[in-house]
Amino acid sequence: MVGSKGAFIISLDFELFWGSRDVTTIEKYGANILGARTAIPLMIDLFEKYGARATFAIVGLLFCKTKEEIKMYSPELKPGYTKRSLSPYEDNYFDILNENDDPYHSAAELISRLKNSPNIEVGSHTFCHYYCWEKGQTIDEFEADIKAAKDIARDNGIELKSIVFPRNQVNEDYLNVCAEHGFTHYRGNPQMFYNEDAGLSNRIMRLMDSYLNISDTTYYVEETKGLFMHNIRASRFLRPYSPSLAWLEWLKLKRIKNEMTSAAKQHKIYHLWWHPHNFGINQKQNLDMLENILKHFSFLSSKYGLEVHTMGEVIN
């Protein structure tokens, strides 16, 4: 068990366009999605270079190489969202021939690279990027989705243990379902004095908290224990490089490094997360930022014994 030393955790929500299809278009966001495909191998190289480990939570549909595979693994019971546009089963993204023909929705080769890296844990981001807080969907529909995610991963030689809920919509009533299907860890939301909803005031607070010392996001391993699963809650979203905020990059990095140092000194957990497509553009700046963070981890590891773990490794 972690606890005698601090722990640094990295998790990524790997979804390509399945996670963006209801809020944008390929024409508008396609460069970020395609850029994620080149950024992922470079991130893996950095993790291996600095001895870091990470959990990639993958949307199950990304495993599919053909339209036939999508039909074979998709559950019969599908999410009955009141807002039908939320469901990928309502649109025409199911004519995938192979990864080369549709790099926005299929990622079998990338998943193979992740699976074969000793530094990577493959976790679940549900099968269809399932939204657990949306009206109309039910716990039975969620269970059908989870079964599909487990099945396609298992058929690709992966036993899923960690889950990250899309849009961080953690529905505590669904945790028992996850546990029944073999999941042991999930990424919960950070504990902040402000809320995590999309209100303007909360968005402003989240932005400010990325640069200023507003909240303590580290926590002790004892706080991960839950009734059904271990809650490896998030500490901070790693905001990608923004040209308009470039003058504040040093402050954002300082904020993250200070939190990492605090976790190392106090033997606490610090959990950083982002999406691969966040690194899809401005790749050099984003990868330089990641390397800067990993160098600091290496320093803290030498000085304070800070350890790095996947989500599934936090509790032995």
Protein backbone atom coordinates (compact mmCIF):
# COMPACT_ATOMS: atom_id res chain seq x y z
CA MET A 1 0.00 0.00 0.00
CA VAL A 2 1.11 3.51 -0.78
CA GLY A 3 1.22 5.79 2.23
CA SER A 4 4.76 5.72 3.59
CA LYS A 5 5.72 7.75 0.51
CA GLY A 6 3.95 10.25 -1.67
CA ALA A 7 2.32 9.09 -4.90
CA PHE A 8 2.07 10.80 -8.29
CA ILE A 9 -0.72 9.53 -10.55
CA ILE A 10 -1.39 10.36 -14.20
CA SER A 11 -4.57 9.42 -16.05
CA LEU A 12 -5.74 10.27 -19.55
CA ASP A 13 -9.21 10.08 -21.10
CA PHE A 14 -8.60 8.46 -24.50
CA GLU A 15 -11.71 8.99 -26.60
CA LEU A 16 -10.78 10.63 -29.92
CA PHE A 17 -13.95 12.02 -31.53
CA TRP A 18 -16.36 9.82 -29.53
CA GLY A 19 -15.98 12.26 -26.65
CA SER A 20 -16.55 15.40 -28.72
CA ARG A 21 -19.14 14.38 -31.31
CA ASP A 22 -22.07 15.97 -29.41
CA VAL A 23 -20.38 19.34 -28.83
CA THR A 24 -18.37 20.06 -31.99
CA THR A 25 -17.65 18.86 -35.52
CA ILE A 26 -14.72 17.16 -37.22
CA GLU A 27 -14.31 20.27 -39.36
CA LYS A 28 -13.82 22.39 -36.25
CA TYR A 29 -11.94 20.00 -33.99
CA GLY A 30 -10.47 17.40 -36.32
CA ALA A 31 -6.91 18.79 -36.08
CA ASN A 32 -6.91 18.17 -32.31
CA ILE A 33 -8.16 14.61 -32.80
CA LEU A 34 -5.61 13.74 -35.47
CA GLY A 35 -2.90 15.45 -33.45
CA ALA A 36 -3.70 13.19 -30.50
CA ARG A 37 -2.68 10.22 -32.60
CA THR A 38 0.86 11.57 -33.01
CA ALA A 39 1.01 12.96 -29.47
CA ILE A 40 0.25 9.64 -27.76
CA PRO A 41 3.44 7.80 -28.90
CA LEU A 42 5.48 10.84 -27.91
CA MET A 43 3.86 10.88 -24.47
CA ILE A 44 4.58 7.18 -24.05
CA ASP A 45 8.23 7.85 -24.94
CA LEU A 46 8.40 10.54 -22.25
CA PHE A 47 6.81 8.26 -19.65
CA GLU A 48 9.36 5.57 -20.45
CA LYS A 49 12.24 8.07 -20.46
CA TYR A 50 11.47 9.29 -16.93
CA GLY A 51 10.20 6.00 -15.51
CA ALA A 52 6.70 7.42 -15.16
CA ARG A 53 3.50 5.40 -15.35
CA ALA A 54 0.03 6.35 -16.50
CA THR A 55 -3.51 5.04 -16.91
CA PHE A 56 -5.16 5.49 -20.31
CA ALA A 57 -8.93 5.14 -19.91
CA ILE A 58 -10.18 4.09 -23.34
CA VAL A 59 -13.62 4.33 -24.96
CA GLY A 60 -14.49 0.77 -25.98
CA LEU A 61 -15.59 1.76 -29.47
CA LEU A 62 -11.99 2.71 -30.26
CA PHE A 63 -11.06 -0.99 -30.24
CA CYS A 64 -13.34 -1.65 -33.22
CA LYS A 65 -11.61 -2.07 -36.58
CA THR A 66 -14.72 -2.56 -38.72
CA LYS A 67 -18.42 -1.80 -38.85
CA GLU A 68 -19.05 -5.48 -38.17
CA GLU A 69 -17.10 -5.31 -34.91
CA ILE A 70 -19.11 -2.30 -33.80
CA LYS A 71 -22.33 -4.23 -34.41
CA MET A 72 -20.98 -7.34 -32.68
CA TYR A 73 -19.91 -5.60 -29.46
CA SER A 74 -22.54 -2.86 -29.15
CA PRO A 75 -25.07 -3.79 -26.45
CA GLU A 76 -28.65 -4.45 -27.39
CA LEU A 77 -29.76 -2.19 -24.55
CA LYS A 78 -28.55 1.30 -25.47
CA PRO A 79 -28.65 4.58 -23.49
CA GLY A 80 -32.11 6.13 -23.66
CA TYR A 81 -31.03 9.72 -23.22
CA THR A 82 -33.88 12.21 -23.31
CA LYS A 83 -31.57 14.34 -25.45
CA ARG A 84 -31.10 11.82 -28.23
CA SER A 85 -28.13 13.62 -29.81
CA LEU A 86 -26.00 12.50 -26.85
CA SER A 87 -26.06 8.91 -28.08
CA PRO A 88 -23.50 7.90 -30.71
CA TYR A 89 -25.94 5.22 -31.84
CA GLU A 90 -28.11 8.00 -33.29
CA ASP A 91 -25.61 9.25 -35.88
CA ASN A 92 -23.73 7.94 -38.89
CA TYR A 93 -20.27 7.31 -37.47
CA PHE A 94 -20.61 3.56 -37.80
CA ASP A 95 -19.36 3.08 -41.35
CA ILE A 96 -15.80 2.46 -40.20
CA LEU A 97 -13.80 0.31 -42.59
CA ASN A 98 -10.48 0.47 -40.76
CA GLU A 99 -8.28 2.81 -38.77
CA ASN A 100 -6.71 4.36 -41.87
CA ASP A 101 -10.11 5.24 -43.34
CA ASP A 102 -11.49 6.73 -40.12
CA PRO A 103 -8.73 7.84 -37.74
CA TYR A 104 -11.27 9.87 -35.75
CA HIS A 105 -13.19 6.87 -34.40
CA SER A 106 -10.86 3.85 -34.52
CA ALA A 107 -7.55 3.40 -32.71
CA ALA A 108 -6.70 -0.32 -32.62
CA GLU A 109 -3.02 0.22 -33.48
CA LEU A 110 -2.61 2.93 -30.85
CA ILE A 111 -4.29 0.74 -28.26
CA SER A 112 -1.86 -2.04 -29.12
CA ARG A 113 1.04 0.37 -28.48
CA LEU A 114 -0.47 1.28 -25.11
CA LYS A 115 -1.12 -2.33 -24.20
CA ASN A 116 2.47 -3.32 -24.96
CA SER A 117 4.06 -0.53 -22.94
CA PRO A 118 5.13 -1.66 -19.44
CA ASN A 119 4.51 1.89 -18.21
CA ILE A 120 0.83 2.00 -19.18
CA GLU A 121 -2.33 0.65 -17.57
CA VAL A 122 -5.31 0.41 -19.93
CA GLY A 123 -8.52 1.37 -18.16
CA SER A 124 -12.08 1.99 -19.30
CA HIS A 125 -13.82 5.17 -20.36
CA THR A 126 -17.02 3.09 -20.85
CA PHE A 127 -17.94 1.55 -24.20
CA CYS A 128 -19.77 4.43 -25.92
CA HIS A 129 -18.62 7.40 -23.81
CA TYR A 130 -21.63 6.86 -21.56
CA TYR A 131 -23.07 9.83 -19.64
CA CYS A 132 -24.18 8.75 -16.16
CA TRP A 133 -25.92 11.98 -15.14
CA GLU A 134 -28.06 12.52 -18.21
CA LYS A 135 -31.84 12.24 -18.07
CA GLY A 136 -33.44 9.20 -19.65
CA GLN A 137 -30.62 6.68 -19.20
CA THR A 138 -30.91 3.89 -16.63
CA ILE A 139 -28.64 1.73 -14.50
CA ASP A 140 -29.51 -1.30 -16.64
CA GLU A 141 -28.39 0.55 -19.76
CA PHE A 142 -25.17 1.51 -18.01
CA GLU A 143 -24.55 -2.10 -17.01
CA ALA A 144 -25.03 -3.22 -20.61
CA ASP A 145 -22.47 -0.63 -21.71
CA ILE A 146 -19.98 -1.76 -19.06
CA LYS A 147 -20.36 -5.39 -20.11
CA ALA A 148 -19.59 -4.39 -23.70
CA ALA A 149 -16.49 -2.46 -22.60
CA LYS A 150 -15.26 -5.45 -20.60
CA ASP A 151 -15.94 -7.89 -23.44
CA ILE A 152 -14.10 -6.02 -26.17
CA ALA A 153 -11.13 -5.29 -23.91
CA ARG A 154 -10.92 -8.92 -22.78
CA ASP A 155 -11.03 -10.11 -26.38
CA ASN A 156 -8.03 -7.85 -26.98
CA GLY A 157 -6.11 -9.36 -24.07
CA ILE A 158 -6.87 -6.62 -21.52
CA GLU A 159 -8.57 -7.09 -18.15
CA LEU A 160 -10.03 -3.76 -17.09
CA LYS A 161 -9.72 -2.75 -13.43
CA SER A 162 -9.87 1.07 -13.49
CA ILE A 163 -12.65 3.25 -14.88
CA VAL A 164 -12.91 6.96 -15.63
CA PHE A 165 -16.45 8.25 -16.11
CA PRO A 166 -16.97 10.42 -19.22
CA ARG A 167 -17.30 14.13 -18.44
CA ASN A 168 -16.46 13.11 -14.84
CA GLN A 169 -20.12 12.19 -14.33
CA VAL A 170 -19.58 9.90 -11.35
CA ASN A 171 -22.91 8.33 -10.41
CA GLU A 172 -22.37 6.70 -7.03
CA ASP A 173 -25.40 4.47 -7.54
CA TYR A 174 -23.53 2.85 -10.44
CA LEU A 175 -20.34 2.00 -8.55
CA ASN A 176 -21.72 -1.32 -7.31
CA VAL A 177 -22.38 -2.31 -10.93
CA CYS A 178 -18.75 -1.54 -11.78
CA ALA A 179 -17.52 -3.56 -8.82
CA GLU A 180 -19.71 -6.51 -9.80
CA HIS A 181 -17.99 -6.54 -13.19
CA GLY A 182 -14.47 -6.54 -11.81
CA PHE A 183 -13.58 -2.85 -11.57
CA THR A 184 -11.64 -1.93 -8.44
CA HIS A 185 -10.75 1.76 -8.97
CA TYR A 186 -12.42 4.87 -10.37
CA ARG A 187 -11.37 8.47 -10.76
CA GLY A 188 -13.55 10.65 -8.60
CA ASN A 189 -13.86 14.41 -8.76
CA PRO A 190 -11.53 16.67 -6.77
CA GLN A 191 -12.72 18.03 -3.47
CA MET A 192 -12.94 21.79 -3.90
CA PHE A 193 -14.72 24.44 -1.88
CA TYR A 194 -16.30 25.53 -5.18
CA ASN A 195 -18.46 23.26 -7.32
CA GLU A 196 -17.42 21.34 -10.44
CA ASP A 197 -20.50 22.27 -12.46
CA ALA A 198 -20.42 24.39 -15.61
CA GLY A 199 -21.64 27.65 -14.07
CA LEU A 200 -19.72 30.78 -15.01
CA SER A 201 -18.50 31.54 -11.49
CA ASN A 202 -17.21 27.97 -11.06
CA ARG A 203 -15.45 28.05 -14.44
CA ILE A 204 -13.72 31.25 -13.40
CA MET A 205 -12.68 29.68 -10.09
CA ARG A 206 -11.29 26.59 -11.85
CA LEU A 207 -9.30 28.78 -14.20
CA MET A 208 -7.89 30.88 -11.37
CA ASP A 209 -7.10 27.75 -9.36
CA SER A 210 -4.89 26.55 -12.20
CA TYR A 211 -2.56 29.47 -11.59
CA LEU A 212 -3.07 30.54 -7.98
CA ASN A 213 -2.97 28.64 -4.69
CA ILE A 214 -6.71 28.57 -4.06
CA SER A 215 -7.34 24.95 -3.02
CA ASP A 216 -5.35 21.98 -1.73
CA THR A 217 -5.83 19.12 -4.20
CA THR A 218 -3.57 16.51 -2.57
CA TYR A 219 -4.98 13.77 -0.33
CA TYR A 220 -4.00 10.75 1.76
CA VAL A 221 -4.25 7.17 0.56
CA GLU A 222 -6.72 6.42 3.36
CA GLU A 223 -9.16 8.77 1.62
CA THR A 224 -9.35 6.47 -1.42
CA LYS A 225 -11.27 3.74 0.38
CA GLY A 226 -14.91 3.41 -0.61
CA LEU A 227 -17.82 1.03 -0.08
CA PHE A 228 -17.50 -0.69 -3.47
CA MET A 229 -14.38 0.67 -5.17
CA HIS A 230 -11.31 2.78 -4.45
CA ASN A 231 -11.79 6.45 -5.33
CA ILE A 232 -8.53 7.65 -6.89
CA ARG A 233 -9.91 11.14 -7.19
CA ALA A 234 -8.48 13.74 -9.51
CA SER A 235 -6.31 16.54 -8.21
CA ARG A 236 -5.93 18.74 -11.27
CA PHE A 237 -6.74 18.91 -14.97
CA LEU A 238 -3.57 19.66 -16.93
CA ARG A 239 -4.64 22.62 -19.02
CA PRO A 240 -3.04 22.56 -22.47
CA TYR A 241 -0.89 25.37 -23.77
CA SER A 242 -2.88 28.40 -24.88
CA PRO A 243 -1.19 31.09 -27.00
CA SER A 244 -3.42 33.73 -25.43
CA LEU A 245 -2.30 32.68 -21.94
CA ALA A 246 1.32 31.92 -22.82
CA TRP A 247 2.52 34.64 -20.46
CA LEU A 248 1.00 32.63 -17.57
CA GLU A 249 2.54 29.25 -18.47
CA TRP A 250 5.29 29.63 -15.89
CA LEU A 251 2.70 30.26 -13.18
CA LYS A 252 0.66 27.19 -14.17
CA LEU A 253 3.76 25.00 -14.05
CA LYS A 254 4.81 26.48 -10.72
CA ARG A 255 1.34 25.70 -9.32
CA ILE A 256 1.58 22.04 -10.42
CA LYS A 257 5.15 21.60 -9.19
CA ASN A 258 4.29 23.09 -5.80
CA GLU A 259 1.40 20.63 -5.46
CA MET A 260 3.66 17.73 -6.43
CA THR A 261 6.24 18.85 -3.89
CA SER A 262 3.58 19.12 -1.20
CA ALA A 263 2.41 15.57 -1.93
CA ALA A 264 5.99 14.28 -1.82
CA LYS A 265 6.78 15.95 1.53
CA GLN A 266 3.50 15.00 3.20
CA HIS A 267 3.29 11.46 1.76
CA LYS A 268 0.05 12.26 -0.04
CA ILE A 269 -1.43 11.57 -3.49
CA TYR A 270 -1.39 14.00 -6.42
CA HIS A 271 -3.43 12.98 -9.47
CA LEU A 272 -3.01 14.84 -12.76
CA TRP A 273 -5.27 14.16 -15.76
CA TRP A 274 -6.01 15.33 -19.30
CA HIS A 275 -7.11 14.10 -22.75
CA PRO A 276 -4.63 13.14 -25.49
CA HIS A 277 -6.47 15.51 -27.85
CA ASN A 278 -5.60 18.39 -25.50
CA PHE A 279 -2.07 17.90 -26.86
CA GLY A 280 -3.31 17.62 -30.44
CA ILE A 281 -2.24 21.13 -31.36
CA ASN A 282 0.66 23.19 -29.99
CA GLN A 283 2.33 19.83 -29.53
CA LYS A 284 5.84 21.10 -28.86
CA GLN A 285 4.69 23.44 -26.11
CA ASN A 286 2.47 20.78 -24.53
CA LEU A 287 5.10 18.04 -24.66
CA ASP A 288 7.72 20.43 -23.27
CA MET A 289 5.31 21.17 -20.42
CA LEU A 290 4.85 17.46 -19.74
CA GLU A 291 8.59 16.84 -19.80
CA ASN A 292 9.09 19.71 -17.36
CA ILE A 293 6.58 18.07 -15.00
CA LEU A 294 8.21 14.65 -15.36
CA LYS A 295 11.65 16.14 -14.65
CA HIS A 296 10.24 17.57 -11.45
CA PHE A 297 8.83 14.16 -10.58
CA SER A 298 12.30 12.68 -11.09
CA PHE A 299 13.77 15.29 -8.74
CA LEU A 300 11.11 14.65 -6.09
CA SER A 301 11.61 10.92 -6.44
CA SER A 302 15.30 11.28 -5.68
CA LYS A 303 14.87 13.78 -2.84
CA TYR A 304 11.69 12.63 -1.11
CA GLY A 305 11.00 9.15 -2.52
CA LEU A 306 7.93 10.26 -4.48
CA GLU A 307 6.54 7.26 -6.33
CA VAL A 308 4.53 7.14 -9.55
CA HIS A 309 1.64 4.73 -9.95
CA THR A 310 -1.16 3.87 -12.32
CA MET A 311 -4.66 4.11 -10.88
CA GLY A 312 -4.76 0.34 -10.51
CA GLU A 313 -1.51 0.26 -8.52
CA VAL A 314 -2.36 2.74 -5.79
CA ILE A 315 -3.83 -0.02 -3.63
CA ASN A 316 -1.98 -3.35 -3.83
